[in-house]
Amino acid sequence: MTSIRFSEAPRTSRTPALHFLALLALCSAYIQGPLLKIFDFPGALAEMEHFGLQPAPFFAVGVIVFELSTSALILAGIYRWAAALALAVFTLAATFIALRFWELPPGMERSMAMNGFFEHVGLVGAFTLVAWHDLREHGASGKGRTS
């Protein structure tokens, strides 16, 4: 059985469409979520208030702009490493705010929150890998398009 080291893996320049689709899938929740908030801004305000984020309009607009802009940077390959790390930190913080499963009583709601918590931890890992890969391929300049 042969093993492939990361340095021997195919470069993304050979599979740009697949690379872009994988990044689009990774960013999909960070595109869909803000669009829902835009089309249901009262719902976005209610969500911010539910999590104790005040002033709610400031946080709602900030989340919308942040998620859409970082997703756009990742997909465009502009400072992809920085945008990916920003989304990793944001996701980790939001996970600890929204999915505090350990505070819930045993049961279905706790199980669902726990699953969501660890799915979000997985997203943090994926964004961290995107940043690491981009830095390895292009350095910190952010000038190389990597899609």
Protein backbone atom coordinates (compact mmCIF):
# COMPACT_ATOMS: atom_id res chain seq x y z
CA MET A 1 0.00 0.00 0.00
CA THR A 2 1.37 3.40 -0.94
CA SER A 3 0.79 6.55 1.01
CA ILE A 4 0.54 10.07 -0.36
CA ARG A 5 2.13 12.83 1.62
CA PHE A 6 0.46 16.22 1.51
CA SER A 7 3.37 17.69 -0.43
CA GLU A 8 2.80 15.07 -3.14
CA ALA A 9 -0.95 15.70 -3.40
CA PRO A 10 -2.27 17.19 -6.64
CA ARG A 11 -2.03 20.97 -6.79
CA THR A 12 -5.31 22.86 -6.85
CA SER A 13 -4.27 24.48 -10.12
CA ARG A 14 -4.89 21.11 -11.79
CA THR A 15 -8.45 20.87 -10.44
CA PRO A 16 -9.70 24.47 -10.17
CA ALA A 17 -13.40 23.67 -10.62
CA LEU A 18 -13.40 20.98 -7.93
CA HIS A 19 -11.38 23.22 -5.62
CA PHE A 20 -13.84 26.09 -6.10
CA LEU A 21 -16.86 23.82 -5.54
CA ALA A 22 -15.34 22.47 -2.32
CA LEU A 23 -14.75 26.02 -1.06
CA LEU A 24 -18.27 27.01 -2.09
CA ALA A 25 -19.68 24.05 -0.13
CA LEU A 26 -17.60 25.03 2.90
CA CYS A 27 -18.80 28.64 2.69
CA SER A 28 -22.43 27.78 1.86
CA ALA A 29 -23.76 28.33 5.39
CA TYR A 30 -21.92 31.66 5.53
CA ILE A 31 -23.64 32.77 2.31
CA GLN A 32 -27.10 31.33 2.98
CA GLY A 33 -27.29 32.59 6.58
CA PRO A 34 -26.68 36.27 5.83
CA LEU A 35 -29.03 36.17 2.85
CA LEU A 36 -31.79 34.87 5.12
CA LYS A 37 -30.96 37.65 7.60
CA ILE A 38 -31.21 40.26 4.83
CA PHE A 39 -34.61 39.01 3.64
CA ASP A 40 -35.91 38.60 7.22
CA PHE A 41 -34.20 41.38 9.11
CA PRO A 42 -36.71 41.30 12.00
CA GLY A 43 -35.82 37.62 12.40
CA ALA A 44 -32.12 38.53 12.39
CA LEU A 45 -32.76 41.09 15.14
CA ALA A 46 -34.70 38.50 17.15
CA GLU A 47 -31.78 36.06 16.79
CA MET A 48 -29.27 38.63 18.07
CA GLU A 49 -31.56 39.50 21.00
CA HIS A 50 -32.06 35.80 21.79
CA PHE A 51 -28.30 35.42 22.24
CA GLY A 52 -27.99 38.64 24.23
CA LEU A 53 -26.10 40.56 21.54
CA GLN A 54 -26.93 44.25 21.93
CA PRO A 55 -27.45 46.51 20.14
CA ALA A 56 -29.12 43.90 17.93
CA PRO A 57 -29.09 45.96 14.67
CA PHE A 58 -25.34 46.54 14.99
CA PHE A 59 -24.62 42.83 15.48
CA ALA A 60 -27.06 41.71 12.76
CA VAL A 61 -25.54 44.02 10.15
CA GLY A 62 -22.03 43.13 11.32
CA VAL A 63 -22.65 39.40 10.99
CA ILE A 64 -24.19 39.85 7.53
CA VAL A 65 -21.28 41.93 6.24
CA PHE A 66 -18.65 39.74 7.91
CA GLU A 67 -19.96 36.40 6.64
CA LEU A 68 -20.56 37.58 3.08
CA SER A 69 -17.24 39.42 2.77
CA THR A 70 -15.10 36.63 4.23
CA SER A 71 -16.87 34.07 2.02
CA ALA A 72 -16.22 36.27 -1.03
CA LEU A 73 -12.52 36.58 -0.14
CA ILE A 74 -12.21 32.81 0.26
CA LEU A 75 -13.95 32.10 -3.05
CA ALA A 76 -11.95 34.78 -4.89
CA GLY A 77 -8.64 33.62 -3.41
CA ILE A 78 -7.83 37.06 -1.99
CA TYR A 79 -6.20 36.76 1.42
CA ARG A 80 -7.94 33.39 1.61
CA TRP A 81 -5.84 32.33 4.60
CA ALA A 82 -6.87 35.42 6.62
CA ALA A 83 -10.56 35.11 5.72
CA ALA A 84 -10.54 31.39 6.55
CA LEU A 85 -8.92 32.02 9.93
CA ALA A 86 -11.41 34.83 10.63
CA LEU A 87 -14.32 32.50 9.87
CA ALA A 88 -12.74 29.80 12.04
CA VAL A 89 -12.52 32.17 15.03
CA PHE A 90 -16.02 33.54 14.37
CA THR A 91 -17.47 30.03 14.10
CA LEU A 92 -15.79 28.90 17.31
CA ALA A 93 -17.07 31.95 19.21
CA ALA A 94 -20.60 31.58 17.78
CA THR A 95 -20.59 27.89 18.67
CA PHE A 96 -19.85 28.63 22.33
CA ILE A 97 -22.57 31.30 22.34
CA ALA A 98 -25.33 29.39 20.53
CA LEU A 99 -24.76 25.69 21.21
CA ARG A 100 -24.16 25.38 24.96
CA PHE A 101 -25.37 21.78 25.07
CA TRP A 102 -23.83 21.18 28.51
CA GLU A 103 -26.38 23.58 30.01
CA LEU A 104 -29.36 21.64 28.66
CA PRO A 105 -31.10 18.75 30.41
CA PRO A 106 -30.56 15.28 28.93
CA GLY A 107 -32.80 14.59 25.97
CA MET A 108 -33.39 15.34 22.31
CA GLU A 109 -32.65 19.08 22.50
CA ARG A 110 -29.32 18.44 24.23
CA SER A 111 -28.37 15.77 21.68
CA MET A 112 -29.18 18.07 18.77
CA ALA A 113 -27.22 20.95 20.31
CA MET A 114 -24.26 18.62 20.97
CA ASN A 115 -24.31 17.40 17.36
CA GLY A 116 -24.44 20.99 16.11
CA PHE A 117 -21.60 21.96 18.44
CA PHE A 118 -19.27 19.30 17.09
CA GLU A 119 -20.31 19.92 13.48
CA HIS A 120 -19.24 23.53 14.01
CA VAL A 121 -15.96 22.38 15.53
CA GLY A 122 -15.48 20.44 12.29
CA LEU A 123 -16.04 23.64 10.30
CA VAL A 124 -13.39 25.36 12.43
CA GLY A 125 -10.98 22.56 11.51
CA ALA A 126 -11.85 22.80 7.83
CA PHE A 127 -11.31 26.57 7.72
CA THR A 128 -8.02 26.14 9.56
CA LEU A 129 -6.91 23.61 6.93
CA VAL A 130 -7.91 26.02 4.14
CA ALA A 131 -5.77 28.73 5.75
CA TRP A 132 -2.83 26.37 6.24
CA HIS A 133 -3.03 25.11 2.67
CA ASP A 134 -3.27 28.63 1.24
CA LEU A 135 -0.29 29.83 3.28
CA ARG A 136 1.76 26.83 2.12
CA GLU A 137 0.92 27.47 -1.52
CA HIS A 138 1.02 31.26 -1.66
CA GLY A 139 2.44 32.70 1.54
CA ALA A 140 0.94 35.56 3.49
CA SER A 141 0.93 38.08 0.62
CA GLY A 142 -2.59 37.06 -0.35
CA LYS A 143 -1.84 38.07 -3.94
CA GLY A 144 -1.94 34.61 -5.47
CA ARG A 145 -5.33 33.50 -6.70
CA THR A 146 -5.84 29.98 -5.41
CA SER A 147 -9.17 28.96 -6.88
